[in-house]
Amino acid sequence: IAGKDKGKVGEVVKVYRKGLKAGKILVDDVNLVKKALKPKAGSEEEKGKIILTEKPIHHSNVMLYSTAKQQVSRVGHKVVDGKKLRYLVKTGEVLQERPIVKKVKEEPSSDAGDE
C-alpha cells in the first residue's frame, strides 16, 4: 500500500505472530535491503560481501492480490447462510476458508510405570 515498494506483487514467505516482529510479514522480493557480511575469521582468501536480503514489512502495508483479475484489493467480511465469509472488496471474489490449526502439546506417556 505504501513505501518504496508500492505496487509490487510477491508471495508471502512468513508471517510473524509473536515476539518483537509481531504483526510483520516477509514477502518475496519486496523490501530488499543491502546487508554487509564480514569475512570469516582465519580465512585470508574470502573477502567481505554485500548481499541483498528481504526485511519484513508491517501487515497494514500488504493487500491481497486476485490472480484471476490481476488486481489488488482490501478484504471485506459478509455473512451468508450463517457463515462469515471473507471476500475481495474490488472484485467480489470469495476467498477460501482458512483451516483453524491449533497446536496441542502432548503429555509424555509413561507406559513403563503401569506394569
Foldseek 3Di string as FASTA:
>chain_A
DDDPQPPDDFAWDDADCDDPCHQWTWTPPPQWDWDKAQDDPPDPPDGIDIDIDTDTDGNVRDFDADPVVRDTFHWDWDADPNDIWIAGPPPRHTDDDDDDDDDDDDDDDDPVVPD
